Amino acid sequence: MYDEDDENGSYVVVVNDEEQFSIWRDGTPPPAGWRQVGTAGTRRECLEYVERVWTDMRPASLRARIAATSG
């Protein structure tokens, strides 16, 4: 068993079809519906990456629906 909060462990960044991000322990397949984005590193490095790129927390389907109705 491993500690999910292990700062020295190796993690990967994953994303789902709604463009929601998370990190996952490296070497463990991500859950169904999630895929790796190509960024890996320590827990801190992966969380910093997610903070930089995930600037709009709304699901992709909601952003698309709002864009379609706002013209």
PDB file of N, CA and C in Angstrom:
ATOM      1  N   MET A   1       0.848  -1.190   0.000  1.00  0.00           N
ATOM      2  CA  MET A   1       0.000   0.000   0.000  1.00  0.00           C
ATOM      3  C   MET A   1       0.886   1.244   0.000  1.00  0.00           C
ATOM      4  N   TYR A   2       0.395   2.322  -0.582  1.00  0.00           N
ATOM      5  CA  TYR A   2       1.162   3.557  -0.616  1.00  0.00           C
ATOM      6  C   TYR A   2       0.355   4.691  -0.007  1.00  0.00           C
ATOM      7  N   ASP A   3       1.066   5.716   0.373  1.00  0.00           N
ATOM      8  CA  ASP A   3       0.437   6.902   0.949  1.00  0.00           C
ATOM      9  C   ASP A   3       0.050   7.847  -0.183  1.00  0.00           C
ATOM     10  N   GLU A   4      -1.243   8.132  -0.342  1.00  0.00           N
ATOM     11  CA  GLU A   4      -1.706   8.981  -1.443  1.00  0.00           C
ATOM     12  C   GLU A   4      -1.159  10.400  -1.357  1.00  0.00           C
ATOM     13  N   ASP A   5      -0.734  10.824  -0.185  1.00  0.00           N
ATOM     14  CA  ASP A   5      -0.204  12.175  -0.011  1.00  0.00           C
ATOM     15  C   ASP A   5       1.321  12.201   0.017  1.00  0.00           C
ATOM     16  N   ASP A   6       1.958  11.165  -0.488  1.00  0.00           N
ATOM     17  CA  ASP A   6       3.406  11.057  -0.504  1.00  0.00           C
ATOM     18  C   ASP A   6       3.990  12.151  -1.391  1.00  0.00           C
ATOM     19  N   GLU A   7       4.652  13.121  -0.779  1.00  0.00           N
ATOM     20  CA  GLU A   7       5.236  14.233  -1.541  1.00  0.00           C
ATOM     21  C   GLU A   7       6.391  13.791  -2.427  1.00  0.00           C
ATOM     22  N   ASN A   8       7.025  12.669  -2.111  1.00  0.00           N
ATOM     23  CA  ASN A   8       8.179  12.212  -2.884  1.00  0.00           C
ATOM     24  C   ASN A   8       7.811  11.163  -3.921  1.00  0.00           C
ATOM     25  N   GLY A   9       6.560  10.760  -3.956  1.00  0.00           N
ATOM     26  CA  GLY A   9       6.123   9.763  -4.928  1.00  0.00           C
ATOM     27  C   GLY A   9       6.048  10.361  -6.318  1.00  0.00           C
ATOM     28  N   SER A  10       5.812   9.515  -7.281  1.00  0.00           N
ATOM     29  CA  SER A  10       5.695   9.945  -8.673  1.00  0.00           C
ATOM     30  C   SER A  10       4.229   9.897  -9.088  1.00  0.00           C
ATOM     31  N   TYR A  11       3.768  10.987  -9.674  1.00  0.00           N
ATOM     32  CA  TYR A  11       2.376  11.133 -10.080  1.00  0.00           C
ATOM     33  C   TYR A  11       2.287  11.539 -11.539  1.00  0.00           C
ATOM     34  N   VAL A  12       1.107  11.378 -12.123  1.00  0.00           N
ATOM     35  CA  VAL A  12       0.814  11.855 -13.469  1.00  0.00           C
ATOM     36  C   VAL A  12      -0.450  12.699 -13.414  1.00  0.00           C
ATOM     37  N   VAL A  13      -0.569  13.613 -14.357  1.00  0.00           N
ATOM     38  CA  VAL A  13      -1.774  14.431 -14.469  1.00  0.00           C
ATOM     39  C   VAL A  13      -2.729  13.717 -15.412  1.00  0.00           C
ATOM     40  N   VAL A  14      -3.986  13.655 -15.012  1.00  0.00           N
ATOM     41  CA  VAL A  14      -5.019  13.030 -15.838  1.00  0.00           C
ATOM     42  C   VAL A  14      -6.149  14.024 -16.070  1.00  0.00           C
ATOM     43  N   VAL A  15      -6.897  13.804 -17.156  1.00  0.00           N
ATOM     44  CA  VAL A  15      -8.015  14.670 -17.510  1.00  0.00           C
ATOM     45  C   VAL A  15      -9.144  13.785 -18.033  1.00  0.00           C
ATOM     46  N   ASN A  16     -10.384  14.248 -17.855  1.00  0.00           N
ATOM     47  CA  ASN A  16     -11.513  13.485 -18.394  1.00  0.00           C
ATOM     48  C   ASN A  16     -12.132  14.236 -19.571  1.00  0.00           C
ATOM     49  N   ASP A  17     -13.189  13.691 -20.142  1.00  0.00           N
ATOM     50  CA  ASP A  17     -13.819  14.307 -21.319  1.00  0.00           C
ATOM     51  C   ASP A  17     -14.444  15.663 -21.021  1.00  0.00           C
ATOM     52  N   GLU A  18     -14.700  15.948 -19.765  1.00  0.00           N
ATOM     53  CA  GLU A  18     -15.248  17.254 -19.371  1.00  0.00           C
ATOM     54  C   GLU A  18     -14.141  18.265 -19.087  1.00  0.00           C
ATOM     55  N   GLU A  19     -12.891  17.868 -19.390  1.00  0.00           N
ATOM     56  CA  GLU A  19     -11.704  18.703 -19.186  1.00  0.00           C
ATOM     57  C   GLU A  19     -11.507  19.070 -17.728  1.00  0.00           C
ATOM     58  N   GLN A  20     -11.806  18.122 -16.848  1.00  0.00           N
ATOM     59  CA  GLN A  20     -11.547  18.262 -15.419  1.00  0.00           C
ATOM     60  C   GLN A  20     -10.244  17.522 -15.133  1.00  0.00           C
ATOM     61  N   PHE A  21      -9.375  18.113 -14.345  1.00  0.00           N
ATOM     62  CA  PHE A  21      -8.050  17.568 -14.102  1.00  0.00           C
ATOM     63  C   PHE A  21      -7.945  16.951 -12.715  1.00  0.00           C
ATOM     64  N   SER A  22      -7.002  16.020 -12.607  1.00  0.00           N
ATOM     65  CA  SER A  22      -6.667  15.403 -11.333  1.00  0.00           C
ATOM     66  C   SER A  22      -5.254  14.851 -11.458  1.00  0.00           C
ATOM     67  N   ILE A  23      -4.728  14.354 -10.350  1.00  0.00           N
ATOM     68  CA  ILE A  23      -3.448  13.657 -10.414  1.00  0.00           C
ATOM     69  C   ILE A  23      -3.680  12.226  -9.971  1.00  0.00           C
ATOM     70  N   TRP A  24      -2.834  11.349 -10.471  1.00  0.00           N
ATOM     71  CA  TRP A  24      -2.977   9.922 -10.201  1.00  0.00           C
ATOM     72  C   TRP A  24      -1.595   9.347  -9.981  1.00  0.00           C
ATOM     73  N   ARG A  25      -1.505   8.405  -9.094  1.00  0.00           N
ATOM     74  CA  ARG A  25      -0.215   7.776  -8.789  1.00  0.00           C
ATOM     75  C   ARG A  25       0.359   7.133 -10.050  1.00  0.00           C
ATOM     76  N   ASP A  26       1.604   7.459 -10.389  1.00  0.00           N
ATOM     77  CA  ASP A  26       2.252   6.905 -11.570  1.00  0.00           C
ATOM     78  C   ASP A  26       2.342   5.383 -11.441  1.00  0.00           C
ATOM     79  N   GLY A  27       2.112   4.702 -12.538  1.00  0.00           N
ATOM     80  CA  GLY A  27       2.163   3.254 -12.554  1.00  0.00           C
ATOM     81  C   GLY A  27       0.827   2.599 -12.261  1.00  0.00           C
ATOM     82  N   THR A  28      -0.165   3.397 -11.892  1.00  0.00           N
ATOM     83  CA  THR A  28      -1.512   2.895 -11.640  1.00  0.00           C
ATOM     84  C   THR A  28      -2.405   3.390 -12.767  1.00  0.00           C
ATOM     85  N   PRO A  29      -3.091   2.509 -13.460  1.00  0.00           N
ATOM     86  CA  PRO A  29      -3.958   2.964 -14.550  1.00  0.00           C
ATOM     87  C   PRO A  29      -5.013   3.944 -14.023  1.00  0.00           C
ATOM     88  N   PRO A  30      -5.258   5.029 -14.742  1.00  0.00           N
ATOM     89  CA  PRO A  30      -6.295   5.959 -14.300  1.00  0.00           C
ATOM     90  C   PRO A  30      -7.670   5.304 -14.398  1.00  0.00           C
ATOM     91  N   PRO A  31      -8.639   5.824 -13.669  1.00  0.00           N
ATOM     92  CA  PRO A  31      -9.987   5.261 -13.729  1.00  0.00           C
ATOM     93  C   PRO A  31     -10.586   5.397 -15.128  1.00  0.00           C
ATOM     94  N   ALA A  32     -11.604   4.620 -15.395  1.00  0.00           N
ATOM     95  CA  ALA A  32     -12.308   4.697 -16.676  1.00  0.00           C
ATOM     96  C   ALA A  32     -12.765   6.129 -16.927  1.00  0.00           C
ATOM     97  N   GLY A  33     -12.580   6.592 -18.151  1.00  0.00           N
ATOM     98  CA  GLY A  33     -13.002   7.939 -18.517  1.00  0.00           C
ATOM     99  C   GLY A  33     -11.931   8.997 -18.312  1.00  0.00           C
ATOM    100  N   TRP A  34     -10.775   8.620 -17.784  1.00  0.00           N
ATOM    101  CA  TRP A  34      -9.669   9.548 -17.557  1.00  0.00           C
ATOM    102  C   TRP A  34      -8.485   9.108 -18.402  1.00  0.00           C
ATOM    103  N   ARG A  35      -7.668  10.076 -18.835  1.00  0.00           N
ATOM    104  CA  ARG A  35      -6.475   9.764 -19.620  1.00  0.00           C
ATOM    105  C   ARG A  35      -5.326  10.669 -19.172  1.00  0.00           C
ATOM    106  N   GLN A  36      -4.121  10.197 -19.348  1.00  0.00           N
ATOM    107  CA  GLN A  36      -2.951  10.989 -18.980  1.00  0.00           C
ATOM    108  C   GLN A  36      -2.746  12.120 -19.981  1.00  0.00           C
ATOM    109  N   VAL A  37      -2.241  13.245 -19.493  1.00  0.00           N
ATOM    110  CA  VAL A  37      -1.989  14.388 -20.374  1.00  0.00           C
ATOM    111  C   VAL A  37      -0.521  14.518 -20.746  1.00  0.00           C
ATOM    112  N   GLY A  38       0.338  13.687 -20.172  1.00  0.00           N
ATOM    113  CA  GLY A  38       1.753  13.726 -20.523  1.00  0.00           C
ATOM    114  C   GLY A  38       2.619  14.427 -19.508  1.00  0.00           C
ATOM    115  N   THR A  39       2.046  14.933 -18.446  1.00  0.00           N
ATOM    116  CA  THR A  39       2.820  15.589 -17.397  1.00  0.00           C
ATOM    117  C   THR A  39       2.951  14.646 -16.215  1.00  0.00           C
ATOM    118  N   ALA A  40       4.175  14.497 -15.734  1.00  0.00           N
ATOM    119  CA  ALA A  40       4.442  13.623 -14.594  1.00  0.00           C
ATOM    120  C   ALA A  40       5.475  14.289 -13.700  1.00  0.00           C
ATOM    121  N   GLY A  41       5.510  13.871 -12.448  1.00  0.00           N
ATOM    122  CA  GLY A  41       6.490  14.411 -11.508  1.00  0.00           C
ATOM    123  C   GLY A  41       6.051  14.146 -10.087  1.00  0.00           C
ATOM    124  N   THR A  42       6.558  14.966  -9.188  1.00  0.00           N
ATOM    125  CA  THR A  42       6.146  14.839  -7.798  1.00  0.00           C
ATOM    126  C   THR A  42       4.705  15.318  -7.664  1.00  0.00           C
ATOM    127  N   ARG A  43       4.120  15.028  -6.541  1.00  0.00           N
ATOM    128  CA  ARG A  43       2.744  15.473  -6.279  1.00  0.00           C
ATOM    129  C   ARG A  43       2.648  16.992  -6.430  1.00  0.00           C
ATOM    130  N   ARG A  44       3.590  17.695  -5.831  1.00  0.00           N
ATOM    131  CA  ARG A  44       3.601  19.160  -5.892  1.00  0.00           C
ATOM    132  C   ARG A  44       3.724  19.663  -7.334  1.00  0.00           C
ATOM    133  N   GLU A  45       4.627  19.081  -8.112  1.00  0.00           N
ATOM    134  CA  GLU A  45       4.806  19.507  -9.508  1.00  0.00           C
ATOM    135  C   GLU A  45       3.530  19.298 -10.308  1.00  0.00           C
ATOM    136  N   CYS A  46       2.879  18.155 -10.111  1.00  0.00           N
ATOM    137  CA  CYS A  46       1.652  17.878 -10.848  1.00  0.00           C
ATOM    138  C   CYS A  46       0.528  18.826 -10.432  1.00  0.00           C
ATOM    139  N   LEU A  47       0.404  19.088  -9.145  1.00  0.00           N
ATOM    140  CA  LEU A  47      -0.632  20.019  -8.685  1.00  0.00           C
ATOM    141  C   LEU A  47      -0.374  21.437  -9.189  1.00  0.00           C
ATOM    142  N   GLU A  48       0.887  21.841  -9.258  1.00  0.00           N
ATOM    143  CA  GLU A  48       1.217  23.167  -9.806  1.00  0.00           C
ATOM    144  C   GLU A  48       0.841  23.245 -11.281  1.00  0.00           C
ATOM    145  N   TYR A  49       1.074  22.175 -12.029  1.00  0.00           N
ATOM    146  CA  TYR A  49       0.681  22.136 -13.441  1.00  0.00           C
ATOM    147  C   TYR A  49      -0.835  22.279 -13.567  1.00  0.00           C
ATOM    148  N   VAL A  50      -1.572  21.517 -12.787  1.00  0.00           N
ATOM    149  CA  VAL A  50      -3.039  21.582 -12.837  1.00  0.00           C
ATOM    150  C   VAL A  50      -3.512  22.997 -12.513  1.00  0.00           C
ATOM    151  N   GLU A  51      -2.918  23.619 -11.520  1.00  0.00           N
ATOM    152  CA  GLU A  51      -3.307  24.984 -11.157  1.00  0.00           C
ATOM    153  C   GLU A  51      -3.063  25.969 -12.304  1.00  0.00           C
ATOM    154  N   ARG A  52      -1.983  25.766 -13.068  1.00  0.00           N
ATOM    155  CA  ARG A  52      -1.671  26.652 -14.197  1.00  0.00           C
ATOM    156  C   ARG A  52      -2.629  26.465 -15.360  1.00  0.00           C
ATOM    157  N   VAL A  53      -3.000  25.217 -15.672  1.00  0.00           N
ATOM    158  CA  VAL A  53      -3.762  24.967 -16.893  1.00  0.00           C
ATOM    159  C   VAL A  53      -5.272  24.889 -16.689  1.00  0.00           C
ATOM    160  N   TRP A  54      -5.732  24.563 -15.498  1.00  0.00           N
ATOM    161  CA  TRP A  54      -7.174  24.409 -15.266  1.00  0.00           C
ATOM    162  C   TRP A  54      -7.716  25.720 -14.720  1.00  0.00           C
ATOM    163  N   THR A  55      -7.892  26.667 -15.601  1.00  0.00           N
ATOM    164  CA  THR A  55      -8.278  28.013 -15.188  1.00  0.00           C
ATOM    165  C   THR A  55      -9.788  28.221 -15.150  1.00  0.00           C
ATOM    166  N   ASP A  56     -10.537  27.347 -15.794  1.00  0.00           N
ATOM    167  CA  ASP A  56     -11.998  27.436 -15.792  1.00  0.00           C
ATOM    168  C   ASP A  56     -12.534  26.102 -15.272  1.00  0.00           C
ATOM    169  N   MET A  57     -13.047  26.121 -14.057  1.00  0.00           N
ATOM    170  CA  MET A  57     -13.459  24.884 -13.388  1.00  0.00           C
ATOM    171  C   MET A  57     -14.779  24.321 -13.912  1.00  0.00           C
ATOM    172  N   ARG A  58     -15.473  25.066 -14.749  1.00  0.00           N
ATOM    173  CA  ARG A  58     -16.743  24.558 -15.277  1.00  0.00           C
ATOM    174  C   ARG A  58     -16.497  23.388 -16.220  1.00  0.00           C
ATOM    175  N   PRO A  59     -17.344  22.360 -16.183  1.00  0.00           N
ATOM    176  CA  PRO A  59     -17.199  21.248 -17.123  1.00  0.00           C
ATOM    177  C   PRO A  59     -17.301  21.750 -18.571  1.00  0.00           C
ATOM    178  N   ALA A  60     -16.634  21.078 -19.471  1.00  0.00           N
ATOM    179  CA  ALA A  60     -16.610  21.466 -20.888  1.00  0.00           C
ATOM    180  C   ALA A  60     -18.017  21.536 -21.470  1.00  0.00           C
ATOM    181  N   SER A  61     -18.891  20.615 -21.096  1.00  0.00           N
ATOM    182  CA  SER A  61     -20.252  20.621 -21.637  1.00  0.00           C
ATOM    183  C   SER A  61     -21.013  21.880 -21.208  1.00  0.00           C
ATOM    184  N   LEU A  62     -20.798  22.339 -19.995  1.00  0.00           N
ATOM    185  CA  LEU A  62     -21.453  23.558 -19.528  1.00  0.00           C
ATOM    186  C   LEU A  62     -20.897  24.776 -20.258  1.00  0.00           C
ATOM    187  N   ARG A  63     -19.584  24.840 -20.435  1.00  0.00           N
ATOM    188  CA  ARG A  63     -18.988  25.967 -21.165  1.00  0.00           C
ATOM    189  C   ARG A  63     -19.528  26.023 -22.585  1.00  0.00           C
ATOM    190  N   ALA A  64     -19.669  24.866 -23.238  1.00  0.00           N
ATOM    191  CA  ALA A  64     -20.182  24.817 -24.613  1.00  0.00           C
ATOM    192  C   ALA A  64     -21.642  25.258 -24.669  1.00  0.00           C
ATOM    193  N   ARG A  65     -22.431  24.817 -23.699  1.00  0.00           N
ATOM    194  CA  ARG A  65     -23.850  25.189 -23.663  1.00  0.00           C
ATOM    195  C   ARG A  65     -24.006  26.706 -23.457  1.00  0.00           C
ATOM    196  N   ILE A  66     -23.214  27.272 -22.575  1.00  0.00           N
ATOM    197  CA  ILE A  66     -23.274  28.713 -22.340  1.00  0.00           C
ATOM    198  C   ILE A  66     -22.830  29.471 -23.585  1.00  0.00           C
ATOM    199  N   ALA A  67     -21.781  29.008 -24.228  1.00  0.00           N
ATOM    200  CA  ALA A  67     -21.300  29.674 -25.456  1.00  0.00           C
ATOM    201  C   ALA A  67     -22.337  29.621 -26.556  1.00  0.00           C
ATOM    202  N   ALA A  68     -23.054  28.499 -26.663  1.00  0.00           N
ATOM    203  CA  ALA A  68     -24.066  28.351 -27.701  1.00  0.00           C
ATOM    204  C   ALA A  68     -25.265  29.266 -27.473  1.00  0.00           C
ATOM    205  N   THR A  69     -25.599  29.518 -26.225  1.00  0.00           N
ATOM    206  CA  THR A  69     -26.766  30.350 -25.941  1.00  0.00           C
ATOM    207  C   THR A  69     -26.430  31.835 -25.882  1.00  0.00           C
ATOM    208  N   SER A  70     -25.138  32.162 -25.769  1.00  0.00           N
ATOM    209  CA  SER A  70     -24.787  33.580 -25.669  1.00  0.00           C
ATOM    210  C   SER A  70     -24.428  34.187 -27.018  1.00  0.00           C
ATOM    211  N   GLY A  71     -24.497  33.383 -28.058  1.00  0.00           N
ATOM    212  CA  GLY A  71     -24.318  33.899 -29.397  1.00  0.00           C
ATOM    213  C   GLY A  71     -22.928  33.985 -29.817  1.00  0.00           C
TER     214      GLY A  71
END
